[in-house]
Amino acid sequence: MKITSLIYVFTILTVQICFGQNKELERLKKLNKTLDSLSKLERPFSIDSTTTTNVRQLDKGHPSKYFYAAMDILNSNKYNDAAFLFYLGTLRYKFYNLANPDYQASEDGAYEASLLNLIGEAINIYLKTNIDNYISALKFTIDYYQKNDFFFFSKHNNKEKHEQIANKFLNTISDLESNKITYKKKWDNDIKLIIHNNNEMIDYINKKTLEQEAKFNKN
């Protein structure tokens, strides 16, 4: 995806401009701080034990539930947990759609697709601040996918398609590992540009806030 699209995603997620609202200003500052700190994160990938417990319940329901759970966790700044649920949900959904003979697209599929793209891009950007953590997240997810059945629509319904989806995911991991330097360089530049644009937005909000205060005091 082009960097302009990535910036657009984060603009939607982090600010709906309402002049003079300190809340929006702090959210932008927090985003920049988070992106910077995640890029320096060296600890191994891990998820909260609560997420491990909850995913067992999610395995019993429609795959869309993974995405909404990921969105809730993302709002709590648990990026690794959100990534695990999102990617697992993606794998489950692909298998369900591909192997289920009775599958029919939902009437509100366009809305769900937009929502999932938004969540996915947010998670991807956070993970791209550290490629080793990103790869670990994907490996953790595929390991769970292969070892734990999806009770809502069991892998035994079509083992071939279940494995086919897993292999495509593994190829993505292999590509990232083989071209780590290339991806890291590109993603580092993307993150720097996002932070730069966020800083410009912060300056813009500050400027408008001062203008409104001056206008208010004048009146």
N, C-alpha and C. Protein backbone atom coordinates (compact mmCIF):
# COMPACT_ATOMS: atom_id res chain seq x y z
N MET A 1 0.84 -1.20 0.00
CA MET A 1 0.00 0.00 0.00
C MET A 1 0.87 1.25 0.00
N LYS A 2 0.45 2.29 -0.73
CA LYS A 2 1.22 3.51 -0.81
C LYS A 2 1.25 4.22 0.53
N ILE A 3 2.33 4.95 0.77
CA ILE A 3 2.51 5.62 2.05
C ILE A 3 1.41 6.64 2.32
N THR A 4 0.88 7.26 1.25
CA THR A 4 -0.20 8.22 1.45
C THR A 4 -1.43 7.54 2.04
N SER A 5 -1.67 6.29 1.66
CA SER A 5 -2.80 5.54 2.20
C SER A 5 -2.56 5.21 3.66
N LEU A 6 -1.33 4.91 4.00
CA LEU A 6 -1.00 4.59 5.38
C LEU A 6 -1.21 5.80 6.28
N ILE A 7 -0.79 6.95 5.78
CA ILE A 7 -0.98 8.19 6.54
C ILE A 7 -2.47 8.46 6.71
N TYR A 8 -3.24 8.21 5.67
CA TYR A 8 -4.69 8.42 5.72
C TYR A 8 -5.32 7.53 6.80
N VAL A 9 -4.88 6.27 6.86
CA VAL A 9 -5.40 5.34 7.86
C VAL A 9 -5.15 5.86 9.27
N PHE A 10 -3.91 6.31 9.53
CA PHE A 10 -3.58 6.77 10.86
C PHE A 10 -4.23 8.09 11.20
N THR A 11 -4.49 8.89 10.19
CA THR A 11 -5.22 10.13 10.44
C THR A 11 -6.62 9.81 10.93
N ILE A 12 -7.27 8.83 10.30
CA ILE A 12 -8.61 8.44 10.72
C ILE A 12 -8.60 7.87 12.12
N LEU A 13 -7.61 7.04 12.40
CA LEU A 13 -7.56 6.36 13.68
C LEU A 13 -7.20 7.29 14.83
N THR A 14 -6.43 8.33 14.55
CA THR A 14 -5.88 9.11 15.66
C THR A 14 -6.44 10.50 15.82
N VAL A 15 -7.11 11.03 14.79
CA VAL A 15 -7.60 12.39 14.96
C VAL A 15 -8.79 12.68 14.06
N GLN A 16 -9.85 13.21 14.66
CA GLN A 16 -10.94 13.81 13.92
C GLN A 16 -10.86 15.27 14.35
N ILE A 17 -10.35 16.09 13.48
CA ILE A 17 -9.93 17.42 13.90
C ILE A 17 -11.09 18.24 14.44
N CYS A 18 -10.96 18.62 15.66
CA CYS A 18 -11.92 19.51 16.31
C CYS A 18 -11.07 20.53 17.05
N PHE A 19 -10.95 21.72 16.51
CA PHE A 19 -9.99 22.71 16.98
C PHE A 19 -10.10 22.94 18.48
N GLY A 20 -8.92 22.98 19.13
CA GLY A 20 -8.87 23.29 20.54
C GLY A 20 -9.08 22.11 21.45
N GLN A 21 -9.23 20.91 20.92
CA GLN A 21 -9.45 19.74 21.78
C GLN A 21 -8.10 19.13 22.15
N ASN A 22 -7.75 19.26 23.40
CA ASN A 22 -6.48 18.73 23.89
C ASN A 22 -6.41 17.21 23.76
N LYS A 23 -7.56 16.58 23.81
CA LYS A 23 -7.61 15.12 23.72
C LYS A 23 -7.00 14.64 22.41
N GLU A 24 -7.37 15.29 21.30
CA GLU A 24 -6.87 14.88 20.00
C GLU A 24 -5.37 15.16 19.89
N LEU A 25 -4.95 16.23 20.46
CA LEU A 25 -3.53 16.60 20.44
C LEU A 25 -2.70 15.56 21.19
N GLU A 26 -3.20 15.13 22.33
CA GLU A 26 -2.48 14.15 23.14
C GLU A 26 -2.44 12.80 22.45
N ARG A 27 -3.49 12.47 21.71
CA ARG A 27 -3.52 11.19 21.01
C ARG A 27 -2.44 11.15 19.93
N LEU A 28 -2.26 12.25 19.23
CA LEU A 28 -1.21 12.31 18.20
C LEU A 28 0.18 12.20 18.82
N LYS A 29 0.36 12.91 19.91
CA LYS A 29 1.66 12.86 20.60
C LYS A 29 1.94 11.45 21.10
N LYS A 30 0.90 10.80 21.61
CA LYS A 30 1.06 9.44 22.12
C LYS A 30 1.39 8.48 21.00
N LEU A 31 0.76 8.67 19.84
CA LEU A 31 1.04 7.82 18.69
C LEU A 31 2.50 7.93 18.28
N ASN A 32 3.00 9.15 18.18
CA ASN A 32 4.40 9.35 17.80
C ASN A 32 5.34 8.71 18.81
N LYS A 33 5.03 8.87 20.08
CA LYS A 33 5.87 8.29 21.13
C LYS A 33 5.84 6.77 21.05
N THR A 34 4.67 6.21 20.77
CA THR A 34 4.53 4.76 20.68
C THR A 34 5.30 4.21 19.50
N LEU A 35 5.17 4.85 18.35
CA LEU A 35 5.89 4.40 17.16
C LEU A 35 7.39 4.43 17.40
N ASP A 36 7.86 5.47 18.06
CA ASP A 36 9.29 5.60 18.33
C ASP A 36 9.76 4.53 19.31
N SER A 37 8.99 4.29 20.36
CA SER A 37 9.40 3.33 21.39
C SER A 37 9.34 1.89 20.86
N LEU A 38 8.34 1.59 20.02
CA LEU A 38 8.21 0.25 19.48
C LEU A 38 9.38 -0.09 18.55
N SER A 39 9.89 0.91 17.86
CA SER A 39 11.01 0.67 16.96
C SER A 39 12.27 0.28 17.72
N LYS A 40 12.31 0.58 19.02
CA LYS A 40 13.47 0.27 19.84
C LYS A 40 13.24 -0.96 20.73
N LEU A 41 12.06 -1.55 20.57
CA LEU A 41 11.70 -2.68 21.41
C LEU A 41 12.52 -3.91 21.05
N GLU A 42 13.16 -4.52 22.03
CA GLU A 42 14.01 -5.67 21.79
C GLU A 42 13.50 -6.94 22.46
N ARG A 43 12.49 -6.82 23.32
CA ARG A 43 12.05 -8.00 24.04
C ARG A 43 11.31 -8.96 23.10
N PRO A 44 11.34 -10.26 23.41
CA PRO A 44 10.70 -11.26 22.55
C PRO A 44 9.20 -11.03 22.45
N PHE A 45 8.62 -11.47 21.34
CA PHE A 45 7.18 -11.37 21.14
C PHE A 45 6.46 -12.19 22.20
N SER A 46 5.40 -11.62 22.75
CA SER A 46 4.59 -12.35 23.72
C SER A 46 3.21 -11.74 23.75
N ILE A 47 2.24 -12.51 24.24
CA ILE A 47 0.89 -11.99 24.39
C ILE A 47 0.42 -12.27 25.81
N ASP A 48 -0.61 -11.54 26.22
CA ASP A 48 -1.16 -11.67 27.56
C ASP A 48 -1.87 -13.01 27.73
N SER A 49 -1.79 -13.57 28.91
CA SER A 49 -2.43 -14.86 29.19
C SER A 49 -3.95 -14.78 29.00
N THR A 50 -4.51 -13.60 29.24
CA THR A 50 -5.95 -13.42 29.05
C THR A 50 -6.34 -13.62 27.59
N THR A 51 -5.49 -13.15 26.69
CA THR A 51 -5.75 -13.32 25.26
C THR A 51 -5.71 -14.79 24.88
N THR A 52 -4.77 -15.52 25.45
CA THR A 52 -4.67 -16.96 25.19
C THR A 52 -5.93 -17.69 25.62
N THR A 53 -6.49 -17.27 26.75
CA THR A 53 -7.73 -17.88 27.24
C THR A 53 -8.92 -17.49 26.37
N ASN A 54 -9.00 -16.21 26.01
CA ASN A 54 -10.14 -15.73 25.22
C ASN A 54 -10.20 -16.32 23.82
N VAL A 55 -9.03 -16.60 23.25
CA VAL A 55 -9.01 -17.09 21.88
C VAL A 55 -9.65 -18.47 21.78
N ARG A 56 -9.63 -19.22 22.88
CA ARG A 56 -10.27 -20.54 22.89
C ARG A 56 -11.78 -20.39 22.70
N GLN A 57 -12.33 -19.33 23.27
CA GLN A 57 -13.76 -19.06 23.09
C GLN A 57 -14.04 -18.56 21.68
N LEU A 58 -13.14 -17.73 21.17
CA LEU A 58 -13.32 -17.20 19.82
C LEU A 58 -13.30 -18.32 18.79
N ASP A 59 -12.55 -19.38 19.07
CA ASP A 59 -12.47 -20.51 18.15
C ASP A 59 -13.81 -21.22 17.97
N LYS A 60 -14.76 -20.91 18.84
CA LYS A 60 -16.06 -21.56 18.77
C LYS A 60 -17.09 -20.73 18.00
N GLY A 61 -16.70 -19.52 17.61
CA GLY A 61 -17.66 -18.62 16.96
C GLY A 61 -17.26 -18.23 15.56
N HIS A 62 -18.10 -17.42 14.95
CA HIS A 62 -17.85 -16.94 13.58
C HIS A 62 -16.52 -16.19 13.53
N PRO A 63 -15.76 -16.36 12.45
CA PRO A 63 -14.42 -15.75 12.38
C PRO A 63 -14.39 -14.23 12.50
N SER A 64 -15.49 -13.56 12.21
CA SER A 64 -15.52 -12.10 12.33
C SER A 64 -15.29 -11.66 13.78
N LYS A 65 -15.58 -12.54 14.75
CA LYS A 65 -15.41 -12.20 16.16
C LYS A 65 -13.96 -11.92 16.52
N TYR A 66 -13.02 -12.56 15.82
CA TYR A 66 -11.60 -12.30 16.06
C TYR A 66 -11.26 -10.83 15.79
N PHE A 67 -11.84 -10.29 14.74
CA PHE A 67 -11.53 -8.93 14.33
C PHE A 67 -12.03 -7.90 15.34
N TYR A 68 -13.24 -8.12 15.84
CA TYR A 68 -13.78 -7.19 16.82
C TYR A 68 -13.02 -7.29 18.14
N ALA A 69 -12.58 -8.49 18.48
CA ALA A 69 -11.75 -8.66 19.68
C ALA A 69 -10.41 -7.96 19.49
N ALA A 70 -9.86 -8.05 18.28
CA ALA A 70 -8.58 -7.37 17.98
C ALA A 70 -8.73 -5.87 18.10
N MET A 71 -9.85 -5.34 17.65
CA MET A 71 -10.10 -3.91 17.71
C MET A 71 -10.18 -3.43 19.17
N ASP A 72 -10.86 -4.22 20.01
CA ASP A 72 -10.97 -3.86 21.42
C ASP A 72 -9.60 -3.86 22.10
N ILE A 73 -8.80 -4.86 21.80
CA ILE A 73 -7.47 -4.95 22.40
C ILE A 73 -6.55 -3.86 21.88
N LEU A 74 -6.69 -3.52 20.61
CA LEU A 74 -5.88 -2.46 20.04
C LEU A 74 -6.15 -1.14 20.74
N ASN A 75 -7.38 -0.92 21.12
CA ASN A 75 -7.73 0.31 21.84
C ASN A 75 -7.08 0.36 23.22
N SER A 76 -6.63 -0.80 23.71
CA SER A 76 -5.93 -0.87 25.00
C SER A 76 -4.43 -0.88 24.82
N ASN A 77 -3.98 -0.64 23.57
CA ASN A 77 -2.55 -0.56 23.24
C ASN A 77 -1.81 -1.90 23.39
N LYS A 78 -2.54 -3.01 23.30
CA LYS A 78 -1.91 -4.33 23.32
C LYS A 78 -1.70 -4.77 21.87
N TYR A 79 -0.65 -4.25 21.26
CA TYR A 79 -0.46 -4.42 19.82
C TYR A 79 -0.16 -5.86 19.42
N ASN A 80 0.67 -6.55 20.19
CA ASN A 80 0.98 -7.94 19.86
C ASN A 80 -0.26 -8.83 19.97
N ASP A 81 -1.03 -8.62 21.01
CA ASP A 81 -2.26 -9.39 21.19
C ASP A 81 -3.24 -9.12 20.06
N ALA A 82 -3.37 -7.85 19.71
CA ALA A 82 -4.28 -7.47 18.62
C ALA A 82 -3.81 -8.08 17.30
N ALA A 83 -2.50 -8.10 17.08
CA ALA A 83 -1.95 -8.66 15.85
C ALA A 83 -2.24 -10.16 15.76
N PHE A 84 -2.04 -10.86 16.86
CA PHE A 84 -2.31 -12.30 16.90
C PHE A 84 -3.77 -12.58 16.56
N LEU A 85 -4.69 -11.88 17.19
CA LEU A 85 -6.12 -12.12 16.94
C LEU A 85 -6.51 -11.73 15.51
N PHE A 86 -5.94 -10.63 15.03
CA PHE A 86 -6.29 -10.17 13.69
C PHE A 86 -5.81 -11.17 12.63
N TYR A 87 -4.56 -11.59 12.73
CA TYR A 87 -4.03 -12.51 11.73
C TYR A 87 -4.66 -13.89 11.84
N LEU A 88 -4.93 -14.33 13.06
CA LEU A 88 -5.63 -15.61 13.22
C LEU A 88 -7.02 -15.53 12.62
N GLY A 89 -7.70 -14.40 12.87
CA GLY A 89 -9.01 -14.20 12.28
C GLY A 89 -8.96 -14.20 10.76
N THR A 90 -7.91 -13.61 10.21
CA THR A 90 -7.74 -13.58 8.76
C THR A 90 -7.60 -15.00 8.21
N LEU A 91 -6.78 -15.81 8.86
CA LEU A 91 -6.60 -17.20 8.43
C LEU A 91 -7.90 -17.99 8.55
N ARG A 92 -8.59 -17.83 9.68
CA ARG A 92 -9.85 -18.55 9.90
C ARG A 92 -10.90 -18.14 8.86
N TYR A 93 -10.97 -16.83 8.61
CA TYR A 93 -11.97 -16.32 7.67
C TYR A 93 -11.70 -16.84 6.25
N LYS A 94 -10.44 -16.85 5.86
CA LYS A 94 -10.09 -17.33 4.53
C LYS A 94 -10.44 -18.81 4.38
N PHE A 95 -10.14 -19.58 5.41
CA PHE A 95 -10.47 -21.00 5.36
C PHE A 95 -11.98 -21.21 5.31
N TYR A 96 -12.69 -20.49 6.15
CA TYR A 96 -14.14 -20.62 6.21
C TYR A 96 -14.78 -20.27 4.87
N ASN A 97 -14.34 -19.18 4.28
CA ASN A 97 -14.90 -18.74 3.00
C ASN A 97 -14.55 -19.68 1.86
N LEU A 98 -13.34 -20.23 1.93
CA LEU A 98 -12.87 -21.09 0.85
C LEU A 98 -13.44 -22.50 0.92
N ALA A 99 -13.57 -23.02 2.13
CA ALA A 99 -13.95 -24.42 2.29
C ALA A 99 -15.42 -24.66 2.59
N ASN A 100 -16.15 -23.63 3.00
CA ASN A 100 -17.55 -23.79 3.36
C ASN A 100 -18.44 -23.71 2.11
N PRO A 101 -19.08 -24.79 1.73
CA PRO A 101 -19.93 -24.78 0.52
C PRO A 101 -21.17 -23.92 0.66
N ASP A 102 -21.55 -23.62 1.90
CA ASP A 102 -22.76 -22.82 2.13
C ASP A 102 -22.46 -21.36 2.41
N TYR A 103 -21.18 -20.97 2.24
CA TYR A 103 -20.81 -19.58 2.55
C TYR A 103 -21.50 -18.59 1.64
N GLN A 104 -22.03 -17.53 2.24
CA GLN A 104 -22.62 -16.42 1.49
C GLN A 104 -22.12 -15.12 2.10
N ALA A 105 -21.75 -14.19 1.26
CA ALA A 105 -21.26 -12.91 1.75
C ALA A 105 -22.36 -12.18 2.52
N SER A 106 -21.98 -11.53 3.61
CA SER A 106 -22.93 -10.78 4.42
C SER A 106 -23.41 -9.56 3.67
N GLU A 107 -24.64 -9.13 3.98
CA GLU A 107 -25.19 -7.94 3.34
C GLU A 107 -24.40 -6.69 3.71
N ASP A 108 -23.81 -6.70 4.90
CA ASP A 108 -23.01 -5.55 5.30
C ASP A 108 -21.52 -5.84 5.12
N GLY A 109 -21.20 -6.67 4.14
CA GLY A 109 -19.82 -7.07 3.88
C GLY A 109 -18.92 -5.90 3.56
N ALA A 110 -19.44 -4.90 2.86
CA ALA A 110 -18.62 -3.74 2.49
C ALA A 110 -18.19 -2.98 3.73
N TYR A 111 -19.10 -2.85 4.68
CA TYR A 111 -18.76 -2.17 5.93
C TYR A 111 -17.71 -2.95 6.69
N GLU A 112 -17.91 -4.26 6.79
CA GLU A 112 -16.96 -5.10 7.51
C GLU A 112 -15.59 -5.05 6.86
N ALA A 113 -15.57 -5.08 5.53
CA ALA A 113 -14.30 -5.05 4.80
C ALA A 113 -13.55 -3.75 5.09
N SER A 114 -14.27 -2.64 5.11
CA SER A 114 -13.64 -1.34 5.39
C SER A 114 -13.10 -1.31 6.82
N LEU A 115 -13.88 -1.84 7.74
CA LEU A 115 -13.46 -1.87 9.13
C LEU A 115 -12.22 -2.73 9.31
N LEU A 116 -12.21 -3.89 8.67
CA LEU A 116 -11.08 -4.80 8.80
C LEU A 116 -9.83 -4.22 8.17
N ASN A 117 -9.98 -3.55 7.05
CA ASN A 117 -8.83 -2.90 6.42
C ASN A 117 -8.24 -1.84 7.33
N LEU A 118 -9.11 -1.11 7.99
CA LEU A 118 -8.66 -0.05 8.90
C LEU A 118 -7.89 -0.64 10.08
N ILE A 119 -8.46 -1.68 10.68
CA ILE A 119 -7.80 -2.33 11.82
C ILE A 119 -6.48 -2.96 11.38
N GLY A 120 -6.53 -3.64 10.23
CA GLY A 120 -5.34 -4.32 9.73
C GLY A 120 -4.19 -3.37 9.45
N GLU A 121 -4.48 -2.23 8.85
CA GLU A 121 -3.43 -1.28 8.54
C GLU A 121 -2.84 -0.69 9.81
N ALA A 122 -3.68 -0.45 10.80
CA ALA A 122 -3.18 0.07 12.07
C ALA A 122 -2.23 -0.93 12.72
N ILE A 123 -2.64 -2.19 12.76
CA ILE A 123 -1.80 -3.24 13.35
C ILE A 123 -0.51 -3.40 12.57
N ASN A 124 -0.60 -3.40 11.25
CA ASN A 124 0.59 -3.58 10.41
C ASN A 124 1.61 -2.47 10.63
N ILE A 125 1.13 -1.24 10.74
CA ILE A 125 2.06 -0.14 10.94
C ILE A 125 2.79 -0.26 12.27
N TYR A 126 2.06 -0.61 13.32
CA TYR A 126 2.70 -0.79 14.61
C TYR A 126 3.73 -1.90 14.55
N LEU A 127 3.41 -3.01 13.89
CA LEU A 127 4.34 -4.13 13.82
C LEU A 127 5.54 -3.81 12.93
N LYS A 128 5.34 -2.98 11.93
CA LYS A 128 6.43 -2.65 11.01
C LYS A 128 7.49 -1.76 11.65
N THR A 129 7.23 -1.30 12.87
CA THR A 129 8.27 -0.54 13.56
C THR A 129 9.39 -1.46 14.02
N ASN A 130 9.14 -2.77 14.02
CA ASN A 130 10.16 -3.74 14.43
C ASN A 130 9.92 -5.04 13.65
N ILE A 131 10.71 -5.27 12.62
CA ILE A 131 10.47 -6.39 11.72
C ILE A 131 10.63 -7.74 12.41
N ASP A 132 11.55 -7.83 13.37
CA ASP A 132 11.73 -9.10 14.08
C ASP A 132 10.48 -9.44 14.90
N ASN A 133 9.91 -8.41 15.52
CA ASN A 133 8.68 -8.62 16.27
C ASN A 133 7.52 -8.97 15.33
N TYR A 134 7.52 -8.37 14.16
CA TYR A 134 6.49 -8.64 13.15
C TYR A 134 6.55 -10.11 12.72
N ILE A 135 7.74 -10.57 12.39
CA ILE A 135 7.91 -11.96 11.97
C ILE A 135 7.51 -12.92 13.09
N SER A 136 7.89 -12.58 14.31
CA SER A 136 7.53 -13.41 15.46
C SER A 136 6.02 -13.49 15.64
N ALA A 137 5.34 -12.38 15.41
CA ALA A 137 3.88 -12.36 15.52
C ALA A 137 3.24 -13.29 14.49
N LEU A 138 3.76 -13.26 13.28
CA LEU A 138 3.21 -14.13 12.23
C LEU A 138 3.50 -15.60 12.53
N LYS A 139 4.69 -15.88 13.02
CA LYS A 139 5.05 -17.26 13.35
C LYS A 139 4.20 -17.79 14.51
N PHE A 140 3.98 -16.95 15.50
CA PHE A 140 3.15 -17.33 16.63
C PHE A 140 1.74 -17.66 16.16
N THR A 141 1.23 -16.85 15.25
CA THR A 141 -0.13 -17.03 14.74
C THR A 141 -0.27 -18.31 13.93
N ILE A 142 0.65 -18.54 13.02
CA ILE A 142 0.53 -19.73 12.17
C ILE A 142 0.72 -21.00 12.98
N ASP A 143 1.54 -20.92 14.01
CA ASP A 143 1.73 -22.08 14.88
C ASP A 143 0.43 -22.42 15.59
N TYR A 144 -0.28 -21.40 16.08
CA TYR A 144 -1.56 -21.63 16.74
C TYR A 144 -2.57 -22.17 15.74
N TYR A 145 -2.60 -21.58 14.56
CA TYR A 145 -3.55 -21.97 13.51
C TYR A 145 -3.39 -23.45 13.15
N GLN A 146 -2.17 -23.90 13.06
CA GLN A 146 -1.92 -25.28 12.65
C GLN A 146 -2.16 -26.28 13.79
N LYS A 147 -1.96 -25.85 15.03
CA LYS A 147 -2.06 -26.78 16.15
C LYS A 147 -3.44 -26.81 16.81
N ASN A 148 -4.24 -25.79 16.58
CA ASN A 148 -5.54 -25.69 17.25
C ASN A 148 -6.68 -25.61 16.24
N ASP A 149 -7.65 -26.48 16.40
CA ASP A 149 -8.75 -26.54 15.44
C ASP A 149 -9.70 -25.36 15.63
N PHE A 150 -10.40 -25.04 14.55
CA PHE A 150 -11.42 -24.00 14.53
C PHE A 150 -12.76 -24.71 14.69
N PHE A 151 -13.29 -24.71 15.91
CA PHE A 151 -14.47 -25.53 16.21
C PHE A 151 -15.72 -25.06 15.48
N PHE A 152 -15.79 -23.79 15.15
CA PHE A 152 -16.95 -23.26 14.41
C PHE A 152 -17.03 -23.90 13.02
N PHE A 153 -15.87 -24.13 12.42
CA PHE A 153 -15.82 -24.79 11.11
C PHE A 153 -14.48 -25.55 11.05
N SER A 154 -14.50 -26.79 11.48
CA SER A 154 -13.29 -27.58 11.70
C SER A 154 -12.43 -27.72 10.45
N LYS A 155 -11.12 -27.76 10.69
CA LYS A 155 -10.17 -27.97 9.59
C LYS A 155 -10.38 -29.33 8.94
N HIS A 156 -11.03 -30.24 9.64
CA HIS A 156 -11.28 -31.57 9.10
C HIS A 156 -12.33 -31.55 7.99
N ASN A 157 -13.03 -30.43 7.85
CA ASN A 157 -13.97 -30.29 6.74
C ASN A 157 -13.25 -30.24 5.40
N ASN A 158 -12.02 -29.74 5.44
CA ASN A 158 -11.21 -29.70 4.21
C ASN A 158 -9.75 -29.44 4.59
N LYS A 159 -9.06 -30.51 4.92
CA LYS A 159 -7.68 -30.39 5.37
C LYS A 159 -6.77 -29.81 4.29
N GLU A 160 -7.08 -30.11 3.05
CA GLU A 160 -6.25 -29.62 1.94
C GLU A 160 -6.29 -28.10 1.86
N LYS A 161 -7.47 -27.53 1.93
CA LYS A 161 -7.59 -26.07 1.86
C LYS A 161 -7.04 -25.41 3.12
N HIS A 162 -7.20 -26.07 4.24
CA HIS A 162 -6.64 -25.55 5.50
C HIS A 162 -5.12 -25.45 5.39
N GLU A 163 -4.50 -26.46 4.82
CA GLU A 163 -3.05 -26.46 4.64
C GLU A 163 -2.63 -25.47 3.56
N GLN A 164 -3.44 -25.34 2.54
CA GLN A 164 -3.15 -24.41 1.45
C GLN A 164 -3.04 -22.97 1.97
N ILE A 165 -3.95 -22.59 2.82
CA ILE A 165 -3.93 -21.25 3.40
C ILE A 165 -2.72 -21.08 4.30
N ALA A 166 -2.40 -22.12 5.06
CA ALA A 166 -1.23 -22.07 5.94
C ALA A 166 0.05 -21.89 5.14
N ASN A 167 0.16 -22.58 4.02
CA ASN A 167 1.37 -22.50 3.20
C ASN A 167 1.57 -21.10 2.62
N LYS A 168 0.49 -20.44 2.23
CA LYS A 168 0.60 -19.08 1.71
C LYS A 168 1.11 -18.14 2.80
N PHE A 169 0.62 -18.35 4.00
CA PHE A 169 1.04 -17.53 5.14
C PHE A 169 2.52 -17.77 5.45
N LEU A 170 2.94 -19.02 5.38
CA LEU A 170 4.33 -19.37 5.62
C LEU A 170 5.24 -18.77 4.55
N ASN A 171 4.73 -18.68 3.33
CA ASN A 171 5.52 -18.06 2.25
C ASN A 171 5.73 -16.57 2.53
N THR A 172 4.74 -15.93 3.11
CA THR A 172 4.87 -14.52 3.48
C THR A 172 5.97 -14.36 4.53
N ILE A 173 5.97 -15.24 5.51
CA ILE A 173 7.00 -15.20 6.56
C ILE A 173 8.38 -15.41 5.96
N SER A 174 8.48 -16.38 5.06
CA SER A 174 9.76 -16.68 4.40
C SER A 174 10.27 -15.48 3.61
N ASP A 175 9.36 -14.78 2.94
CA ASP A 175 9.73 -13.60 2.16
C ASP A 175 10.26 -12.49 3.07
N LEU A 176 9.61 -12.30 4.19
CA LEU A 176 10.06 -11.28 5.14
C LEU A 176 11.45 -11.61 5.69
N GLU A 177 11.67 -12.87 5.99
CA GLU A 177 12.97 -13.27 6.53
C GLU A 177 14.07 -13.16 5.49
N SER A 178 13.75 -13.48 4.25
CA SER A 178 14.75 -13.45 3.18
C SER A 178 15.10 -12.03 2.75
N ASN A 179 14.16 -11.12 2.92
CA ASN A 179 14.36 -9.74 2.46
C ASN A 179 14.22 -8.75 3.62
N LYS A 180 14.69 -9.15 4.77
CA LYS A 180 14.52 -8.37 6.00
C LYS A 180 15.11 -6.96 5.87
N ILE A 181 16.30 -6.86 5.32
CA ILE A 181 16.97 -5.56 5.22
C ILE A 181 16.18 -4.60 4.33
N THR A 182 15.70 -5.13 3.20
CA THR A 182 14.92 -4.31 2.27
C THR A 182 13.64 -3.80 2.90
N TYR A 183 12.91 -4.72 3.54
CA TYR A 183 11.65 -4.33 4.19
C TYR A 183 11.89 -3.35 5.33
N LYS A 184 12.91 -3.61 6.12
CA LYS A 184 13.20 -2.74 7.27
C LYS A 184 13.50 -1.32 6.81
N LYS A 185 14.29 -1.19 5.76
CA LYS A 185 14.64 0.14 5.25
C LYS A 185 13.39 0.88 4.78
N LYS A 186 12.55 0.20 4.04
CA LYS A 186 11.33 0.82 3.52
C LYS A 186 10.39 1.20 4.67
N TRP A 187 10.20 0.29 5.60
CA TRP A 187 9.27 0.54 6.70
C TRP A 187 9.77 1.64 7.62
N ASP A 188 11.08 1.70 7.84
CA ASP A 188 11.63 2.77 8.67
C ASP A 188 11.34 4.13 8.05
N ASN A 189 11.46 4.22 6.74
CA ASN A 189 11.16 5.47 6.04
C ASN A 189 9.67 5.80 6.13
N ASP A 190 8.83 4.77 6.03
CA ASP A 190 7.39 4.98 6.14
C ASP A 190 7.02 5.54 7.52
N ILE A 191 7.62 4.96 8.57
CA ILE A 191 7.33 5.39 9.92
C ILE A 191 7.78 6.83 10.15
N LYS A 192 8.96 7.16 9.63
CA LYS A 192 9.48 8.52 9.77
C LYS A 192 8.54 9.52 9.10
N LEU A 193 7.98 9.14 7.97
CA LEU A 193 7.08 10.03 7.26
C LEU A 193 5.76 10.20 8.02
N ILE A 194 5.28 9.12 8.61
CA ILE A 194 4.05 9.20 9.41
C ILE A 194 4.26 10.12 10.61
N ILE A 195 5.39 9.95 11.31
CA ILE A 195 5.69 10.80 12.46
C ILE A 195 5.82 12.25 12.03
N HIS A 196 6.47 12.50 10.88
CA HIS A 196 6.61 13.85 10.36
C HIS A 196 5.24 14.47 10.10
N ASN A 197 4.35 13.73 9.47
CA ASN A 197 3.02 14.25 9.17
C ASN A 197 2.20 14.46 10.43
N ASN A 198 2.39 13.58 11.41
CA ASN A 198 1.71 13.77 12.69
C ASN A 198 2.18 15.05 13.38
N ASN A 199 3.49 15.30 13.30
CA ASN A 199 4.03 16.53 13.89
C ASN A 199 3.46 17.76 13.21
N GLU A 200 3.30 17.70 11.91
CA GLU A 200 2.69 18.82 11.19
C GLU A 200 1.24 19.02 11.64
N MET A 201 0.53 17.90 11.87
CA MET A 201 -0.84 17.98 12.34
C MET A 201 -0.89 18.59 13.74
N ILE A 202 0.06 18.21 14.59
CA ILE A 202 0.14 18.76 15.95
C ILE A 202 0.35 20.27 15.90
N ASP A 203 1.28 20.70 15.04
CA ASP A 203 1.54 22.13 14.89
C ASP A 203 0.29 22.87 14.38
N TYR A 204 -0.42 22.23 13.47
CA TYR A 204 -1.62 22.83 12.89
C TYR A 204 -2.71 23.00 13.95
N ILE A 205 -2.90 21.96 14.77
CA ILE A 205 -3.91 22.03 15.85
C ILE A 205 -3.53 23.10 16.86
N ASN A 206 -2.24 23.14 17.21
CA ASN A 206 -1.78 24.17 18.17
C ASN A 206 -2.03 25.57 17.63
N LYS A 207 -1.74 25.75 16.35
CA LYS A 207 -1.94 27.06 15.73
C LYS A 207 -3.41 27.46 15.77
N LYS A 208 -4.30 26.52 15.40
CA LYS A 208 -5.73 26.82 15.39
C LYS A 208 -6.26 27.07 16.80
N THR A 209 -5.71 26.36 17.76
CA THR A 209 -6.12 26.55 19.15
C THR A 209 -5.77 27.96 19.62
N LEU A 210 -4.55 28.39 19.30
CA LEU A 210 -4.12 29.74 19.68
C LEU A 210 -4.98 30.80 18.99
N GLU A 211 -5.33 30.56 17.74
CA GLU A 211 -6.16 31.50 17.00
C GLU A 211 -7.54 31.61 17.63
N GLN A 212 -8.09 30.46 18.03
CA GLN A 212 -9.42 30.47 18.66
C GLN A 212 -9.39 31.16 20.02
N GLU A 213 -8.30 30.91 20.78
CA GLU A 213 -8.18 31.55 22.09
C GLU A 213 -8.06 33.05 21.95
N ALA A 214 -7.28 33.49 20.95
CA ALA A 214 -7.11 34.92 20.72
C ALA A 214 -8.45 35.56 20.31
N LYS A 215 -9.21 34.85 19.48
CA LYS A 215 -10.50 35.36 19.04
C LYS A 215 -11.47 35.43 20.21
N PHE A 216 -11.43 34.41 21.08
CA PHE A 216 -12.31 34.37 22.24
C PHE A 216 -11.98 35.50 23.21
N ASN A 217 -10.69 35.71 23.45
CA ASN A 217 -10.25 36.78 24.38
C ASN A 217 -10.59 38.16 23.82
N LYS A 218 -10.53 38.30 22.52
CA LYS A 218 -10.83 39.58 21.87
C LYS A 218 -12.29 39.92 22.04
N ASN A 219 -13.14 38.92 21.96
CA ASN A 219 -14.57 39.14 22.10
C ASN A 219 -14.96 39.32 23.56
